[in-house]
PDB file of N, CA and C in Angstrom:
ATOM      1  N   MET A   1      72.966 -34.207 -50.786  1.00  0.00           N
ATOM      2  CA  MET A   1      73.679 -32.643 -50.432  1.00  0.00           C
ATOM      3  C   MET A   1      74.652 -32.348 -49.746  1.00  0.00           C
ATOM      4  N   TYR A   2      74.949 -33.455 -48.277  1.00  0.00           N
ATOM      5  CA  TYR A   2      75.840 -33.414 -47.358  1.00  0.00           C
ATOM      6  C   TYR A   2      76.878 -33.759 -47.777  1.00  0.00           C
ATOM      7  N   SER A   3      76.958 -34.965 -49.027  1.00  0.00           N
ATOM      8  CA  SER A   3      78.077 -35.547 -49.456  1.00  0.00           C
ATOM      9  C   SER A   3      78.852 -34.633 -49.391  1.00  0.00           C
ATOM     10  N   LYS A   4      78.737 -33.211 -50.420  1.00  0.00           N
ATOM     11  CA  LYS A   4      79.383 -32.388 -50.826  1.00  0.00           C
ATOM     12  C   LYS A   4      80.978 -32.015 -49.935  1.00  0.00           C
ATOM     13  N   LEU A   5      79.617 -31.631 -48.324  1.00  0.00           N
ATOM     14  CA  LEU A   5      79.810 -30.959 -47.450  1.00  0.00           C
ATOM     15  C   LEU A   5      81.476 -31.893 -46.485  1.00  0.00           C
ATOM     16  N   LEU A   6      81.573 -33.091 -46.928  1.00  0.00           N
ATOM     17  CA  LEU A   6      81.911 -33.880 -45.815  1.00  0.00           C
ATOM     18  C   LEU A   6      83.715 -33.909 -46.361  1.00  0.00           C
ATOM     19  N   SER A   7      84.131 -34.020 -44.623  1.00  0.00           N
ATOM     20  CA  SER A   7      85.592 -34.323 -45.147  1.00  0.00           C
ATOM     21  C   SER A   7      85.910 -35.807 -45.504  1.00  0.00           C
ATOM     22  N   PRO A   8      87.499 -35.965 -45.800  1.00  0.00           N
ATOM     23  CA  PRO A   8      87.458 -37.106 -46.199  1.00  0.00           C
ATOM     24  C   PRO A   8      86.876 -38.076 -45.560  1.00  0.00           C
ATOM     25  N   ASN A   9      86.577 -38.225 -44.268  1.00  0.00           N
ATOM     26  CA  ASN A   9      86.772 -39.426 -42.997  1.00  0.00           C
ATOM     27  C   ASN A   9      85.190 -39.045 -42.879  1.00  0.00           C
ATOM     28  N   GLY A  10      84.402 -38.197 -43.214  1.00  0.00           N
ATOM     29  CA  GLY A  10      83.560 -37.914 -42.745  1.00  0.00           C
ATOM     30  C   GLY A  10      82.202 -39.167 -42.851  1.00  0.00           C
ATOM     31  N   ILE A  11      80.878 -38.861 -42.070  1.00  0.00           N
ATOM     32  CA  ILE A  11      80.088 -40.025 -42.223  1.00  0.00           C
ATOM     33  C   ILE A  11      78.842 -39.331 -41.968  1.00  0.00           C
ATOM     34  N   ILE A  12      77.854 -39.814 -43.063  1.00  0.00           N
ATOM     35  CA  ILE A  12      76.343 -39.458 -42.662  1.00  0.00           C
ATOM     36  C   ILE A  12      75.507 -40.104 -42.571  1.00  0.00           C
ATOM     37  N   SER A  13      74.498 -40.097 -41.410  1.00  0.00           N
ATOM     38  CA  SER A  13      73.999 -41.177 -40.587  1.00  0.00           C
ATOM     39  C   SER A  13      72.213 -40.863 -41.249  1.00  0.00           C
ATOM     40  N   ILE A  14      71.546 -41.699 -41.574  1.00  0.00           N
ATOM     41  CA  ILE A  14      70.223 -41.575 -42.107  1.00  0.00           C
ATOM     42  C   ILE A  14      69.157 -42.742 -41.318  1.00  0.00           C
ATOM     43  N   HIS A  15      68.120 -41.860 -40.829  1.00  0.00           N
ATOM     44  CA  HIS A  15      66.722 -43.095 -39.965  1.00  0.00           C
ATOM     45  C   HIS A  15      65.743 -43.111 -40.835  1.00  0.00           C
ATOM     46  N   ASP A  16      65.323 -43.991 -40.676  1.00  0.00           N
ATOM     47  CA  ASP A  16      64.219 -44.329 -41.009  1.00  0.00           C
ATOM     48  C   ASP A  16      64.443 -45.138 -42.514  1.00  0.00           C
ATOM     49  N   THR A  17      65.262 -46.549 -42.520  1.00  0.00           N
ATOM     50  CA  THR A  17      65.641 -46.527 -43.261  1.00  0.00           C
ATOM     51  C   THR A  17      65.584 -48.447 -43.307  1.00  0.00           C
ATOM     52  N   ASP A  18      64.920 -48.906 -42.570  1.00  0.00           N
ATOM     53  CA  ASP A  18      64.897 -50.384 -42.498  1.00  0.00           C
ATOM     54  C   ASP A  18      63.171 -50.608 -43.343  1.00  0.00           C
ATOM     55  N   GLU A  19      63.327 -50.855 -44.370  1.00  0.00           N
ATOM     56  CA  GLU A  19      61.855 -51.352 -44.837  1.00  0.00           C
ATOM     57  C   GLU A  19      60.905 -52.365 -44.824  1.00  0.00           C
ATOM     58  N   SER A  20      61.575 -53.149 -43.592  1.00  0.00           N
ATOM     59  CA  SER A  20      60.915 -54.163 -42.766  1.00  0.00           C
ATOM     60  C   SER A  20      59.983 -54.075 -42.213  1.00  0.00           C
ATOM     61  N   PHE A  21      60.490 -52.717 -41.513  1.00  0.00           N
ATOM     62  CA  PHE A  21      59.449 -52.129 -40.331  1.00  0.00           C
ATOM     63  C   PHE A  21      58.436 -51.672 -40.839  1.00  0.00           C
ATOM     64  N   GLU A  22      58.460 -50.682 -42.211  1.00  0.00           N
ATOM     65  CA  GLU A  22      57.106 -50.555 -42.294  1.00  0.00           C
ATOM     66  C   GLU A  22      56.462 -51.927 -43.018  1.00  0.00           C
ATOM     67  N   LYS A  23      56.806 -52.471 -43.473  1.00  0.00           N
ATOM     68  CA  LYS A  23      55.817 -53.657 -43.825  1.00  0.00           C
ATOM     69  C   LYS A  23      55.413 -54.468 -43.065  1.00  0.00           C
ATOM     70  N   GLU A  24      55.694 -54.455 -41.717  1.00  0.00           N
ATOM     71  CA  GLU A  24      55.364 -55.002 -40.425  1.00  0.00           C
ATOM     72  C   GLU A  24      54.289 -53.792 -39.263  1.00  0.00           C
ATOM     73  N   LEU A  25      54.866 -53.035 -40.100  1.00  0.00           N
ATOM     74  CA  LEU A  25      53.969 -52.169 -38.827  1.00  0.00           C
ATOM     75  C   LEU A  25      52.390 -52.379 -38.856  1.00  0.00           C
ATOM     76  N   ILE A  26      52.077 -52.456 -37.291  1.00  0.00           N
ATOM     77  CA  ILE A  26      50.503 -52.912 -37.037  1.00  0.00           C
ATOM     78  C   ILE A  26      49.951 -51.300 -36.745  1.00  0.00           C
ATOM     79  N   VAL A  27      48.655 -51.283 -37.560  1.00  0.00           N
ATOM     80  CA  VAL A  27      47.912 -50.161 -37.501  1.00  0.00           C
ATOM     81  C   VAL A  27      47.091 -50.059 -36.434  1.00  0.00           C
ATOM     82  N   THR A  28      46.709 -49.671 -35.795  1.00  0.00           N
ATOM     83  CA  THR A  28      45.657 -49.767 -34.546  1.00  0.00           C
ATOM     84  C   THR A  28      45.257 -48.589 -34.821  1.00  0.00           C
ATOM     85  N   ASP A  29      44.535 -48.350 -33.069  1.00  0.00           N
ATOM     86  CA  ASP A  29      43.335 -47.190 -33.573  1.00  0.00           C
ATOM     87  C   ASP A  29      43.869 -45.742 -33.133  1.00  0.00           C
ATOM     88  N   GLU A  30      45.358 -45.886 -32.726  1.00  0.00           N
ATOM     89  CA  GLU A  30      46.269 -44.846 -32.135  1.00  0.00           C
ATOM     90  C   GLU A  30      46.871 -44.368 -33.875  1.00  0.00           C
ATOM     91  N   ILE A  31      47.024 -44.933 -34.565  1.00  0.00           N
ATOM     92  CA  ILE A  31      47.472 -44.909 -35.990  1.00  0.00           C
ATOM     93  C   ILE A  31      46.598 -45.294 -36.626  1.00  0.00           C
ATOM     94  N   LYS A  32      45.886 -44.025 -37.025  1.00  0.00           N
ATOM     95  CA  LYS A  32      44.680 -44.739 -38.036  1.00  0.00           C
ATOM     96  C   LYS A  32      45.486 -44.784 -39.515  1.00  0.00           C
ATOM     97  N   LYS A  33      44.659 -45.470 -40.058  1.00  0.00           N
ATOM     98  CA  LYS A  33      45.163 -46.533 -41.245  1.00  0.00           C
ATOM     99  C   LYS A  33      45.387 -45.001 -42.458  1.00  0.00           C
ATOM    100  N   ASP A  34      44.256 -43.716 -42.433  1.00  0.00           N
ATOM    101  CA  ASP A  34      44.525 -42.951 -42.920  1.00  0.00           C
ATOM    102  C   ASP A  34      45.747 -42.177 -42.321  1.00  0.00           C
ATOM    103  N   ASP A  35      46.225 -42.498 -41.629  1.00  0.00           N
ATOM    104  CA  ASP A  35      47.251 -41.377 -41.037  1.00  0.00           C
ATOM    105  C   ASP A  35      48.714 -42.097 -41.219  1.00  0.00           C
ATOM    106  N   HIS A  36      48.489 -43.214 -41.841  1.00  0.00           N
ATOM    107  CA  HIS A  36      49.755 -43.937 -41.830  1.00  0.00           C
ATOM    108  C   HIS A  36      50.623 -43.692 -43.092  1.00  0.00           C
ATOM    109  N   GLN A  37      52.102 -43.197 -43.128  1.00  0.00           N
ATOM    110  CA  GLN A  37      52.677 -42.719 -44.127  1.00  0.00           C
ATOM    111  C   GLN A  37      53.746 -43.575 -44.248  1.00  0.00           C
ATOM    112  N   GLU A  38      54.488 -43.979 -45.353  1.00  0.00           N
ATOM    113  CA  GLU A  38      55.699 -44.617 -45.927  1.00  0.00           C
ATOM    114  C   GLU A  38      56.976 -43.796 -45.436  1.00  0.00           C
ATOM    115  N   ILE A  39      56.931 -44.188 -44.014  1.00  0.00           N
ATOM    116  CA  ILE A  39      58.389 -43.780 -43.144  1.00  0.00           C
ATOM    117  C   ILE A  39      59.548 -43.838 -43.971  1.00  0.00           C
ATOM    118  N   THR A  40      59.991 -45.007 -44.602  1.00  0.00           N
ATOM    119  CA  THR A  40      60.973 -45.456 -44.859  1.00  0.00           C
ATOM    120  C   THR A  40      61.219 -45.552 -46.522  1.00  0.00           C
ATOM    121  N   ASN A  41      59.884 -44.909 -47.448  1.00  0.00           N
ATOM    122  CA  ASN A  41      60.553 -44.885 -49.146  1.00  0.00           C
ATOM    123  C   ASN A  41      61.604 -44.184 -49.347  1.00  0.00           C
ATOM    124  N   GLY A  42      61.304 -42.969 -48.805  1.00  0.00           N
ATOM    125  CA  GLY A  42      63.054 -41.890 -49.189  1.00  0.00           C
ATOM    126  C   GLY A  42      64.082 -42.661 -48.577  1.00  0.00           C
ATOM    127  N   PRO A  43      64.170 -42.505 -47.390  1.00  0.00           N
ATOM    128  CA  PRO A  43      66.080 -43.499 -47.011  1.00  0.00           C
ATOM    129  C   PRO A  43      66.359 -44.860 -47.189  1.00  0.00           C
ATOM    130  N   SER A  44      65.143 -45.192 -47.347  1.00  0.00           N
ATOM    131  CA  SER A  44      65.402 -47.114 -47.742  1.00  0.00           C
ATOM    132  C   SER A  44      65.632 -46.877 -49.654  1.00  0.00           C
ATOM    133  N   LYS A  45      65.171 -46.220 -50.506  1.00  0.00           N
ATOM    134  CA  LYS A  45      65.597 -45.847 -51.706  1.00  0.00           C
ATOM    135  C   LYS A  45      66.620 -45.398 -51.891  1.00  0.00           C
ATOM    136  N   LEU A  46      67.105 -44.389 -51.011  1.00  0.00           N
ATOM    137  CA  LEU A  46      68.583 -43.839 -51.171  1.00  0.00           C
ATOM    138  C   LEU A  46      69.239 -44.925 -50.779  1.00  0.00           C
ATOM    139  N   VAL A  47      69.443 -45.902 -49.382  1.00  0.00           N
ATOM    140  CA  VAL A  47      69.973 -46.588 -49.584  1.00  0.00           C
ATOM    141  C   VAL A  47      70.433 -47.711 -50.504  1.00  0.00           C
ATOM    142  N   LYS A  48      69.512 -47.909 -51.201  1.00  0.00           N
ATOM    143  CA  LYS A  48      69.487 -49.100 -52.425  1.00  0.00           C
ATOM    144  C   LYS A  48      70.574 -48.577 -53.715  1.00  0.00           C
ATOM    145  N   GLU A  49      70.326 -46.715 -53.723  1.00  0.00           N
ATOM    146  CA  GLU A  49      70.908 -46.534 -55.209  1.00  0.00           C
ATOM    147  C   GLU A  49      72.342 -46.416 -54.253  1.00  0.00           C
ATOM    148  N   LEU A  50      72.791 -46.611 -53.089  1.00  0.00           N
ATOM    149  CA  LEU A  50      73.866 -45.714 -53.082  1.00  0.00           C
ATOM    150  C   LEU A  50      74.601 -47.742 -52.909  1.00  0.00           C
ATOM    151  N   SER A  51      74.148 -48.280 -52.886  1.00  0.00           N
ATOM    152  CA  SER A  51      74.468 -50.086 -52.349  1.00  0.00           C
ATOM    153  C   SER A  51      74.924 -50.212 -53.824  1.00  0.00           C
ATOM    154  N   ASP A  52      74.865 -49.841 -54.787  1.00  0.00           N
ATOM    155  CA  ASP A  52      75.241 -50.013 -56.252  1.00  0.00           C
ATOM    156  C   ASP A  52      76.398 -48.842 -56.971  1.00  0.00           C
ATOM    157  N   ASP A  53      76.371 -48.038 -55.853  1.00  0.00           N
ATOM    158  CA  ASP A  53      77.800 -47.238 -55.922  1.00  0.00           C
ATOM    159  C   ASP A  53      79.143 -47.754 -55.111  1.00  0.00           C
ATOM    160  N   SER A  54      80.237 -48.181 -55.759  1.00  0.00           N
ATOM    161  CA  SER A  54      81.088 -48.342 -55.128  1.00  0.00           C
ATOM    162  C   SER A  54      81.777 -47.318 -54.175  1.00  0.00           C
ATOM    163  N   GLY A  55      81.080 -46.162 -54.532  1.00  0.00           N
ATOM    164  CA  GLY A  55      82.103 -45.319 -53.842  1.00  0.00           C
ATOM    165  C   GLY A  55      81.720 -45.131 -52.123  1.00  0.00           C
ATOM    166  N   TRP A  56      80.803 -46.015 -51.535  1.00  0.00           N
ATOM    167  CA  TRP A  56      80.262 -45.748 -50.265  1.00  0.00           C
ATOM    168  C   TRP A  56      80.542 -46.856 -49.771  1.00  0.00           C
ATOM    169  N   GLU A  57      80.528 -46.843 -48.260  1.00  0.00           N
ATOM    170  CA  GLU A  57      80.829 -47.700 -47.395  1.00  0.00           C
ATOM    171  C   GLU A  57      79.312 -47.751 -46.634  1.00  0.00           C
ATOM    172  N   ILE A  58      78.690 -48.631 -46.447  1.00  0.00           N
ATOM    173  CA  ILE A  58      77.152 -48.551 -45.887  1.00  0.00           C
ATOM    174  C   ILE A  58      77.196 -49.343 -44.900  1.00  0.00           C
ATOM    175  N   PHE A  59      76.622 -49.465 -43.580  1.00  0.00           N
ATOM    176  CA  PHE A  59      76.674 -49.628 -42.213  1.00  0.00           C
ATOM    177  C   PHE A  59      75.193 -49.390 -42.310  1.00  0.00           C
ATOM    178  N   ASN A  60      73.741 -50.830 -41.772  1.00  0.00           N
ATOM    179  CA  ASN A  60      72.823 -50.744 -41.725  1.00  0.00           C
ATOM    180  C   ASN A  60      72.941 -51.591 -40.340  1.00  0.00           C
ATOM    181  N   PHE A  61      71.902 -50.621 -39.520  1.00  0.00           N
ATOM    182  CA  PHE A  61      71.654 -50.905 -38.271  1.00  0.00           C
ATOM    183  C   PHE A  61      70.181 -51.490 -38.085  1.00  0.00           C
ATOM    184  N   PHE A  62      70.025 -52.738 -38.286  1.00  0.00           N
ATOM    185  CA  PHE A  62      68.204 -52.685 -38.025  1.00  0.00           C
ATOM    186  C   PHE A  62      68.232 -53.849 -36.701  1.00  0.00           C
ATOM    187  N   ASN A  63      66.861 -53.727 -36.633  1.00  0.00           N
ATOM    188  CA  ASN A  63      66.455 -54.529 -35.382  1.00  0.00           C
ATOM    189  C   ASN A  63      65.002 -55.359 -35.614  1.00  0.00           C
ATOM    190  N   ASN A  64      64.370 -54.777 -36.636  1.00  0.00           N
ATOM    191  CA  ASN A  64      62.817 -55.109 -36.419  1.00  0.00           C
ATOM    192  C   ASN A  64      62.848 -56.719 -36.650  1.00  0.00           C
ATOM    193  N   GLY A  65      62.041 -57.189 -35.481  1.00  0.00           N
ATOM    194  CA  GLY A  65      61.854 -58.787 -36.016  1.00  0.00           C
ATOM    195  C   GLY A  65      62.862 -59.484 -35.031  1.00  0.00           C
ATOM    196  N   ILE A  66      63.889 -58.925 -34.652  1.00  0.00           N
ATOM    197  CA  ILE A  66      64.732 -59.829 -33.910  1.00  0.00           C
ATOM    198  C   ILE A  66      64.161 -60.289 -32.541  1.00  0.00           C
ATOM    199  N   PHE A  67      63.448 -58.747 -31.639  1.00  0.00           N
ATOM    200  CA  PHE A  67      62.919 -59.471 -30.257  1.00  0.00           C
ATOM    201  C   PHE A  67      61.530 -59.339 -30.504  1.00  0.00           C
ATOM    202  N   LYS A  68      60.597 -60.538 -30.424  1.00  0.00           N
ATOM    203  CA  LYS A  68      59.010 -59.864 -31.036  1.00  0.00           C
ATOM    204  C   LYS A  68      58.401 -59.220 -29.781  1.00  0.00           C
ATOM    205  N   THR A  69      58.984 -59.383 -28.596  1.00  0.00           N
ATOM    206  CA  THR A  69      58.218 -58.901 -27.401  1.00  0.00           C
ATOM    207  C   THR A  69      58.878 -57.567 -27.236  1.00  0.00           C
ATOM    208  N   LYS A  70      59.783 -56.973 -27.785  1.00  0.00           N
ATOM    209  CA  LYS A  70      60.704 -55.641 -27.718  1.00  0.00           C
ATOM    210  C   LYS A  70      59.969 -54.958 -28.690  1.00  0.00           C
ATOM    211  N   PRO A  71      60.191 -53.398 -28.756  1.00  0.00           N
ATOM    212  CA  PRO A  71      59.848 -52.467 -29.692  1.00  0.00           C
ATOM    213  C   PRO A  71      61.208 -52.771 -30.699  1.00  0.00           C
ATOM    214  N   ALA A  72      60.995 -52.268 -31.831  1.00  0.00           N
ATOM    215  CA  ALA A  72      62.367 -52.395 -32.634  1.00  0.00           C
ATOM    216  C   ALA A  72      62.140 -50.834 -33.335  1.00  0.00           C
ATOM    217  N   SER A  73      63.573 -50.419 -34.176  1.00  0.00           N
ATOM    218  CA  SER A  73      63.324 -49.357 -34.751  1.00  0.00           C
ATOM    219  C   SER A  73      63.174 -49.026 -35.991  1.00  0.00           C
ATOM    220  N   THR A  74      62.784 -47.997 -36.665  1.00  0.00           N
ATOM    221  CA  THR A  74      62.862 -47.881 -37.912  1.00  0.00           C
ATOM    222  C   THR A  74      64.136 -48.342 -38.896  1.00  0.00           C
ATOM    223  N   GLY A  75      65.424 -47.957 -38.385  1.00  0.00           N
ATOM    224  CA  GLY A  75      66.605 -48.343 -38.974  1.00  0.00           C
ATOM    225  C   GLY A  75      67.436 -47.565 -39.010  1.00  0.00           C
ATOM    226  N   LEU A  76      68.673 -47.281 -38.710  1.00  0.00           N
ATOM    227  CA  LEU A  76      69.578 -46.577 -39.036  1.00  0.00           C
ATOM    228  C   LEU A  76      70.913 -46.970 -39.979  1.00  0.00           C
ATOM    229  N   THR A  77      70.894 -46.161 -40.595  1.00  0.00           N
ATOM    230  CA  THR A  77      72.432 -46.224 -41.703  1.00  0.00           C
ATOM    231  C   THR A  77      73.290 -45.778 -42.012  1.00  0.00           C
ATOM    232  N   ILE A  78      74.584 -46.116 -41.595  1.00  0.00           N
ATOM    233  CA  ILE A  78      75.872 -44.971 -42.015  1.00  0.00           C
ATOM    234  C   ILE A  78      76.675 -44.945 -43.105  1.00  0.00           C
ATOM    235  N   LEU A  79      76.877 -43.955 -43.582  1.00  0.00           N
ATOM    236  CA  LEU A  79      77.646 -44.095 -44.734  1.00  0.00           C
ATOM    237  C   LEU A  79      78.876 -43.315 -44.960  1.00  0.00           C
ATOM    238  N   GLN A  80      79.399 -43.845 -45.425  1.00  0.00           N
ATOM    239  CA  GLN A  80      81.257 -43.372 -45.164  1.00  0.00           C
ATOM    240  C   GLN A  80      81.978 -43.843 -46.979  1.00  0.00           C
ATOM    241  N   ARG A  81      82.287 -42.609 -47.072  1.00  0.00           N
ATOM    242  CA  ARG A  81      82.871 -42.554 -48.236  1.00  0.00           C
ATOM    243  C   ARG A  81      84.112 -43.770 -48.493  1.00  0.00           C
ATOM    244  N   CYS A  82      84.407 -44.388 -49.415  1.00  0.00           N
ATOM    245  CA  CYS A  82      85.468 -45.318 -49.420  1.00  0.00           C
ATOM    246  C   CYS A  82      86.582 -44.952 -49.245  1.00  0.00           C
ATOM    247  N   LYS A  83      87.573 -45.487 -48.817  1.00  0.00           N
ATOM    248  CA  LYS A  83      88.915 -44.693 -49.228  1.00  0.00           C
ATOM    249  C   LYS A  83      89.578 -44.839 -50.711  1.00  0.00           C
ATOM    250  N   LYS A  84      90.073 -44.284 -50.908  1.00  0.00           N
ATOM    251  CA  LYS A  84      90.763 -44.021 -52.201  1.00  0.00           C
ATOM    252  C   LYS A  84      92.134 -44.631 -52.176  1.00  0.00           C
TER     253      LYS A  84
END
């Protein structure tokens, strides 16, 4: 929806786009299995769909698994329309 509001040089940022974060999520007592949600399903699916569309530049910022002893994020993706 927001893509229709963008100026020619505008960008869109989307969070929770790293599927690998969710696949490696450790379920603890604090995060009960019943409470676990698939947090990256929608955002990562949209980014995949847009990667098939040559009209967008896609910049993924994923850090899951890079530093095993440090927290990771769920991913951030920035989109910008390709210049014509």
